[in-house]
Amino acid sequence: MQIDYVAIGERVRQKRRELGLTQEQLAEEVGISASFVGHIERAEKTASVETMMKTAQALNTSLDYLISGIKWRCDHKSCPLFDDIGNALLAYGIEKRNRNQ
């Protein structure tokens, strides 16, 4: 499988714009230069995994979305997997807890 850096850059740019951030603001949040953000968005340079993780966090998205474009529409309230995990824990005598506790 080959990594599509152009698509990654496009997703970074799209998410940044959706949040109304400039390249400078994103760069400050991630701890890189604004010019490096531009290089990532244009696929002229590749970022480390650590930088991409920070970028995903700053853009309020997942690293897998930035890399693959797959949006997981599953959270603790709506995902059957979480219910399955909760039921498995109950089977082992571990009670579910409210996440806000």
Protein backbone atom coordinates (compact mmCIF):
# COMPACT_ATOMS: atom_id res chain seq x y z
CA MET A 1 0.00 0.00 0.00
CA GLN A 2 1.36 3.37 -0.99
CA ILE A 3 0.71 6.47 1.11
CA ASP A 4 -0.99 9.29 -0.80
CA TYR A 5 0.72 12.40 0.60
CA VAL A 6 -1.20 14.67 -1.75
CA ALA A 7 -4.50 13.42 -0.31
CA ILE A 8 -3.15 13.79 3.24
CA GLY A 9 -2.19 17.39 2.51
CA GLU A 10 -5.61 18.09 1.02
CA ARG A 11 -7.33 16.68 4.12
CA VAL A 12 -5.12 18.76 6.41
CA ARG A 13 -5.95 21.90 4.40
CA GLN A 14 -9.66 21.08 4.31
CA LYS A 15 -9.90 20.45 8.07
CA ARG A 16 -7.83 23.57 8.82
CA ARG A 17 -10.12 25.71 6.70
CA GLU A 18 -13.26 24.12 8.19
CA LEU A 19 -12.01 25.21 11.60
CA GLY A 20 -11.19 28.69 10.31
CA LEU A 21 -7.50 28.35 11.15
CA THR A 22 -4.63 29.96 9.29
CA GLN A 23 -1.49 28.00 8.57
CA GLU A 24 0.21 30.12 11.23
CA GLN A 25 -2.40 29.22 13.86
CA LEU A 26 -2.20 25.51 13.07
CA ALA A 27 1.60 25.66 13.10
CA GLU A 28 1.61 27.28 16.54
CA GLU A 29 -0.76 24.63 17.89
CA VAL A 30 1.33 21.78 16.48
CA GLY A 31 4.73 23.30 17.26
CA ILE A 32 6.02 23.58 13.72
CA SER A 33 6.58 26.46 11.31
CA ALA A 34 3.82 27.87 9.12
CA SER A 35 5.95 27.13 6.08
CA PHE A 36 6.12 23.47 7.10
CA VAL A 37 2.31 23.37 7.31
CA GLY A 38 2.28 24.66 3.74
CA HIS A 39 4.78 22.00 2.68
CA ILE A 40 2.57 19.29 4.23
CA GLU A 41 -0.55 20.66 2.54
CA ARG A 42 1.20 20.71 -0.85
CA ALA A 43 2.83 17.30 -0.25
CA GLU A 44 6.27 18.81 -0.71
CA LYS A 45 7.53 17.37 2.58
CA THR A 46 6.38 14.59 4.86
CA ALA A 47 5.81 14.98 8.57
CA SER A 48 6.81 12.59 11.32
CA VAL A 49 4.16 10.41 12.94
CA GLU A 50 4.42 12.59 16.06
CA THR A 51 3.78 15.75 14.04
CA MET A 52 0.85 14.13 12.25
CA MET A 53 -0.63 13.02 15.59
CA LYS A 54 -0.35 16.59 16.91
CA THR A 55 -1.85 17.89 13.67
CA ALA A 56 -4.81 15.52 13.92
CA GLN A 57 -5.39 16.60 17.52
CA ALA A 58 -5.17 20.29 16.61
CA LEU A 59 -7.67 19.71 13.79
CA ASN A 60 -10.02 17.79 16.09
CA THR A 61 -9.87 14.70 13.91
CA SER A 62 -8.20 11.31 13.91
CA LEU A 63 -4.83 10.36 12.53
CA ASP A 64 -6.46 7.59 10.50
CA TYR A 65 -8.74 10.16 8.86
CA LEU A 66 -5.79 12.32 7.84
CA ILE A 67 -3.92 9.31 6.46
CA SER A 68 -6.73 7.23 4.95
CA GLY A 69 -9.67 9.58 4.58
CA ILE A 70 -11.90 7.19 6.52
CA LYS A 71 -14.23 8.92 8.95
CA TRP A 72 -15.30 6.72 11.83
CA ARG A 73 -18.85 7.58 12.75
CA CYS A 74 -18.78 5.72 15.99
CA ASP A 75 -18.67 7.08 19.50
CA HIS A 76 -19.36 5.67 22.92
CA LYS A 77 -23.07 6.53 22.64
CA SER A 78 -23.84 5.11 19.21
CA CYS A 79 -21.36 2.37 18.40
CA PRO A 80 -22.42 -1.27 18.76
CA LEU A 81 -18.80 -2.16 19.48
CA PHE A 82 -18.91 -0.18 22.73
CA ASP A 83 -22.07 -2.03 23.77
CA ASP A 84 -20.38 -5.36 22.98
CA ILE A 85 -17.36 -4.39 25.06
CA GLY A 86 -19.61 -3.28 27.92
CA ASN A 87 -21.53 -6.55 27.80
CA ALA A 88 -18.30 -8.54 27.77
CA LEU A 89 -17.09 -6.65 30.84
CA LEU A 90 -20.38 -7.38 32.60
CA ALA A 91 -19.95 -11.06 31.79
CA TYR A 92 -16.63 -10.94 33.66
CA GLY A 93 -18.22 -9.16 36.63
CA ILE A 94 -16.96 -5.68 35.77
CA GLU A 95 -19.69 -3.07 35.87
CA LYS A 96 -20.01 -0.35 33.27
CA ARG A 97 -19.26 3.11 34.56
CA ASN A 98 -20.60 6.40 33.40
CA ARG A 99 -17.78 8.16 31.54
CA ASN A 100 -18.55 11.37 33.44
CA GLN A 101 -17.78 9.81 36.82
